[in-house]
Amino acid sequence: MPRISSTDFVRTPGLYQDQAQREPVIIVKHNREHAVIVSAEEYRRLKRRDRLVFRAGELSNADIAAIRAARPAPEAAAFDDEIA
């Protein structure tokens, strides 16, 4: 991801807004990552991936049973080495 200073962004925002259509752009302020510009399409994609969070006590017995019965897809075995 390209990194630009906040000063550069203020000077030519359109340039970086256009670049953000292709890839995220990190804006750096005082040598720290301050913001990231992404396309509206990428933002909507990320928002669709938002999850609802529940406390364990809020789950029904049916939910708990379904979780216990769930099994990973066979292709998930490719990630087993990450557990070790």
N, C-alpha and C. Protein backbone atom coordinates (compact mmCIF):
# COMPACT_ATOMS: atom_id res chain seq x y z
N MET A 1 0.84 -1.18 0.00
CA MET A 1 0.00 0.00 0.00
C MET A 1 0.88 1.24 0.00
N PRO A 2 0.55 2.18 -0.84
CA PRO A 2 1.32 3.42 -0.84
C PRO A 2 1.07 4.22 0.44
N ARG A 3 2.11 4.89 0.90
CA ARG A 3 2.03 5.73 2.09
C ARG A 3 2.35 7.16 1.65
N ILE A 4 1.49 8.09 2.05
CA ILE A 4 1.71 9.49 1.70
C ILE A 4 1.59 10.34 2.95
N SER A 5 2.21 11.50 2.93
CA SER A 5 2.09 12.41 4.06
C SER A 5 0.75 13.13 3.99
N SER A 6 0.27 13.57 5.13
CA SER A 6 -0.99 14.32 5.14
C SER A 6 -0.84 15.60 4.34
N THR A 7 0.35 16.19 4.33
CA THR A 7 0.61 17.40 3.55
C THR A 7 0.42 17.12 2.06
N ASP A 8 0.96 15.99 1.58
CA ASP A 8 0.79 15.63 0.17
C ASP A 8 -0.69 15.42 -0.15
N PHE A 9 -1.41 14.80 0.78
CA PHE A 9 -2.83 14.56 0.54
C PHE A 9 -3.59 15.88 0.42
N VAL A 10 -3.29 16.83 1.29
CA VAL A 10 -3.97 18.13 1.25
C VAL A 10 -3.68 18.87 -0.06
N ARG A 11 -2.48 18.72 -0.56
CA ARG A 11 -2.09 19.40 -1.81
C ARG A 11 -2.82 18.84 -3.03
N THR A 12 -2.94 17.53 -3.10
CA THR A 12 -3.54 16.90 -4.29
C THR A 12 -4.49 15.77 -3.89
N PRO A 13 -5.60 16.09 -3.22
CA PRO A 13 -6.49 15.02 -2.77
C PRO A 13 -7.07 14.18 -3.90
N GLY A 14 -7.37 14.83 -5.03
CA GLY A 14 -7.96 14.09 -6.15
C GLY A 14 -7.06 12.98 -6.66
N LEU A 15 -5.77 13.23 -6.69
CA LEU A 15 -4.82 12.21 -7.13
C LEU A 15 -4.92 10.95 -6.27
N TYR A 16 -4.96 11.15 -4.96
CA TYR A 16 -4.98 10.01 -4.05
C TYR A 16 -6.37 9.37 -3.97
N GLN A 17 -7.40 10.17 -4.18
CA GLN A 17 -8.74 9.59 -4.24
C GLN A 17 -8.85 8.66 -5.45
N ASP A 18 -8.25 9.08 -6.56
CA ASP A 18 -8.25 8.22 -7.74
C ASP A 18 -7.42 6.96 -7.50
N GLN A 19 -6.29 7.12 -6.85
CA GLN A 19 -5.43 5.97 -6.57
C GLN A 19 -6.15 4.98 -5.65
N ALA A 20 -6.95 5.51 -4.72
CA ALA A 20 -7.68 4.65 -3.78
C ALA A 20 -8.72 3.78 -4.48
N GLN A 21 -9.06 4.12 -5.72
CA GLN A 21 -9.97 3.27 -6.49
C GLN A 21 -9.31 1.96 -6.87
N ARG A 22 -7.99 1.96 -6.90
CA ARG A 22 -7.22 0.76 -7.28
C ARG A 22 -6.65 0.03 -6.07
N GLU A 23 -6.27 0.79 -5.04
CA GLU A 23 -5.65 0.18 -3.86
C GLU A 23 -5.77 1.16 -2.69
N PRO A 24 -5.79 0.64 -1.47
CA PRO A 24 -5.86 1.54 -0.31
C PRO A 24 -4.63 2.44 -0.24
N VAL A 25 -4.82 3.65 0.25
CA VAL A 25 -3.74 4.62 0.39
C VAL A 25 -3.66 5.01 1.87
N ILE A 26 -2.48 4.85 2.46
CA ILE A 26 -2.27 5.19 3.86
C ILE A 26 -1.80 6.64 3.96
N ILE A 27 -2.46 7.42 4.80
CA ILE A 27 -2.04 8.80 5.05
C ILE A 27 -1.28 8.82 6.37
N VAL A 28 -0.07 9.37 6.32
CA VAL A 28 0.81 9.42 7.49
C VAL A 28 0.85 10.85 8.02
N LYS A 29 0.68 10.99 9.33
CA LYS A 29 0.74 12.30 9.97
C LYS A 29 1.67 12.19 11.16
N HIS A 30 2.67 13.04 11.22
CA HIS A 30 3.68 13.01 12.29
C HIS A 30 4.32 11.62 12.41
N ASN A 31 4.66 11.05 11.25
CA ASN A 31 5.32 9.74 11.16
C ASN A 31 4.50 8.58 11.71
N ARG A 32 3.18 8.76 11.79
CA ARG A 32 2.30 7.67 12.24
C ARG A 32 1.18 7.49 11.23
N GLU A 33 0.77 6.26 11.03
CA GLU A 33 -0.37 6.00 10.15
C GLU A 33 -1.59 6.66 10.78
N HIS A 34 -2.22 7.53 10.03
CA HIS A 34 -3.31 8.33 10.57
C HIS A 34 -4.67 7.92 9.99
N ALA A 35 -4.69 7.61 8.70
CA ALA A 35 -5.94 7.26 8.03
C ALA A 35 -5.62 6.41 6.81
N VAL A 36 -6.66 5.73 6.33
CA VAL A 36 -6.53 4.95 5.10
C VAL A 36 -7.71 5.33 4.21
N ILE A 37 -7.41 5.62 2.97
CA ILE A 37 -8.46 5.92 1.99
C ILE A 37 -8.69 4.65 1.18
N VAL A 38 -9.95 4.26 1.08
CA VAL A 38 -10.32 3.12 0.24
C VAL A 38 -11.47 3.56 -0.66
N SER A 39 -11.68 2.83 -1.72
CA SER A 39 -12.80 3.13 -2.62
C SER A 39 -14.11 2.86 -1.90
N ALA A 40 -15.17 3.49 -2.38
CA ALA A 40 -16.51 3.25 -1.81
C ALA A 40 -16.89 1.78 -1.96
N GLU A 41 -16.51 1.19 -3.07
CA GLU A 41 -16.81 -0.23 -3.30
C GLU A 41 -16.12 -1.11 -2.25
N GLU A 42 -14.84 -0.83 -1.97
CA GLU A 42 -14.11 -1.60 -0.96
C GLU A 42 -14.71 -1.37 0.42
N TYR A 43 -15.10 -0.16 0.72
CA TYR A 43 -15.72 0.13 2.02
C TYR A 43 -17.01 -0.67 2.18
N ARG A 44 -17.85 -0.69 1.14
CA ARG A 44 -19.09 -1.47 1.23
C ARG A 44 -18.80 -2.95 1.40
N ARG A 45 -17.77 -3.45 0.69
CA ARG A 45 -17.41 -4.87 0.83
C ARG A 45 -17.01 -5.17 2.27
N LEU A 46 -16.22 -4.30 2.86
CA LEU A 46 -15.79 -4.50 4.25
C LEU A 46 -16.97 -4.42 5.21
N LYS A 47 -17.88 -3.49 4.97
CA LYS A 47 -19.04 -3.35 5.85
C LYS A 47 -19.94 -4.58 5.78
N ARG A 48 -20.02 -5.21 4.61
CA ARG A 48 -20.82 -6.44 4.50
C ARG A 48 -20.25 -7.54 5.37
N ARG A 49 -18.95 -7.45 5.64
CA ARG A 49 -18.30 -8.49 6.44
C ARG A 49 -18.40 -8.22 7.94
N ASP A 50 -18.99 -7.08 8.32
CA ASP A 50 -19.19 -6.81 9.75
C ASP A 50 -19.92 -7.98 10.38
N ARG A 51 -19.61 -8.23 11.60
CA ARG A 51 -20.24 -9.34 12.30
C ARG A 51 -21.02 -8.84 13.50
N LEU A 52 -22.04 -9.58 13.81
CA LEU A 52 -22.74 -9.34 15.07
C LEU A 52 -22.00 -10.11 16.14
N VAL A 53 -21.88 -9.51 17.30
CA VAL A 53 -21.18 -10.17 18.40
C VAL A 53 -22.19 -10.51 19.48
N PHE A 54 -22.13 -11.74 19.95
CA PHE A 54 -23.02 -12.19 21.01
C PHE A 54 -22.18 -12.65 22.19
N ARG A 55 -22.72 -12.50 23.35
CA ARG A 55 -22.09 -13.10 24.53
C ARG A 55 -22.54 -14.55 24.59
N ALA A 56 -21.69 -15.39 25.13
CA ALA A 56 -22.01 -16.82 25.18
C ALA A 56 -23.35 -17.06 25.86
N GLY A 57 -23.64 -16.29 26.89
CA GLY A 57 -24.90 -16.47 27.61
C GLY A 57 -26.12 -16.10 26.81
N GLU A 58 -25.96 -15.40 25.70
CA GLU A 58 -27.08 -15.00 24.86
C GLU A 58 -27.44 -16.07 23.83
N LEU A 59 -26.58 -17.08 23.68
CA LEU A 59 -26.83 -18.14 22.71
C LEU A 59 -27.89 -19.10 23.24
N SER A 60 -28.76 -19.54 22.35
CA SER A 60 -29.77 -20.53 22.73
C SER A 60 -29.12 -21.91 22.78
N ASN A 61 -29.82 -22.84 23.37
CA ASN A 61 -29.32 -24.23 23.41
C ASN A 61 -29.17 -24.78 21.99
N ALA A 62 -30.07 -24.39 21.10
CA ALA A 62 -30.00 -24.84 19.70
C ALA A 62 -28.74 -24.27 19.03
N ASP A 63 -28.42 -23.00 19.33
CA ASP A 63 -27.20 -22.40 18.77
C ASP A 63 -25.97 -23.15 19.26
N ILE A 64 -25.92 -23.44 20.54
CA ILE A 64 -24.77 -24.14 21.13
C ILE A 64 -24.64 -25.52 20.51
N ALA A 65 -25.75 -26.21 20.34
CA ALA A 65 -25.72 -27.54 19.72
C ALA A 65 -25.22 -27.46 18.28
N ALA A 66 -25.64 -26.44 17.56
CA ALA A 66 -25.20 -26.28 16.17
C ALA A 66 -23.71 -26.00 16.11
N ILE A 67 -23.20 -25.21 17.04
CA ILE A 67 -21.76 -24.93 17.08
C ILE A 67 -20.99 -26.21 17.38
N ARG A 68 -21.47 -26.98 18.34
CA ARG A 68 -20.79 -28.24 18.69
C ARG A 68 -20.78 -29.22 17.51
N ALA A 69 -21.84 -29.21 16.72
CA ALA A 69 -21.95 -30.15 15.61
C ALA A 69 -21.21 -29.68 14.35
N ALA A 70 -20.83 -28.42 14.31
CA ALA A 70 -20.19 -27.87 13.11
C ALA A 70 -18.83 -28.51 12.88
N ARG A 71 -18.52 -28.76 11.63
CA ARG A 71 -17.23 -29.31 11.24
C ARG A 71 -16.65 -28.46 10.12
N PRO A 72 -15.34 -28.26 10.10
CA PRO A 72 -14.75 -27.45 9.02
C PRO A 72 -14.84 -28.17 7.68
N ALA A 73 -14.84 -27.37 6.64
CA ALA A 73 -14.83 -27.92 5.29
C ALA A 73 -13.49 -28.61 5.06
N PRO A 74 -13.44 -29.64 4.24
CA PRO A 74 -12.18 -30.37 4.00
C PRO A 74 -11.02 -29.47 3.56
N GLU A 75 -11.31 -28.44 2.78
CA GLU A 75 -10.23 -27.57 2.31
C GLU A 75 -9.61 -26.75 3.45
N ALA A 76 -10.27 -26.68 4.60
CA ALA A 76 -9.71 -25.97 5.74
C ALA A 76 -8.49 -26.68 6.32
N ALA A 77 -8.31 -27.95 5.99
CA ALA A 77 -7.15 -28.71 6.48
C ALA A 77 -5.83 -28.08 6.01
N ALA A 78 -5.89 -27.28 4.95
CA ALA A 78 -4.68 -26.61 4.46
C ALA A 78 -4.11 -25.64 5.48
N PHE A 79 -4.92 -25.26 6.46
CA PHE A 79 -4.46 -24.30 7.47
C PHE A 79 -4.06 -24.96 8.80
N ASP A 80 -4.11 -26.27 8.87
CA ASP A 80 -3.77 -26.98 10.10
C ASP A 80 -2.37 -26.67 10.61
N ASP A 81 -1.43 -26.44 9.70
CA ASP A 81 -0.05 -26.16 10.11
C ASP A 81 0.06 -24.83 10.88
N GLU A 82 -0.92 -23.94 10.73
CA GLU A 82 -0.89 -22.67 11.45
C GLU A 82 -1.20 -22.85 12.93
N ILE A 83 -1.83 -23.92 13.29
CA ILE A 83 -2.19 -24.18 14.69
C ILE A 83 -0.99 -24.67 15.48
N ALA A 84 -0.11 -25.40 14.83
CA ALA A 84 1.02 -26.01 15.52
C ALA A 84 2.02 -25.03 16.04
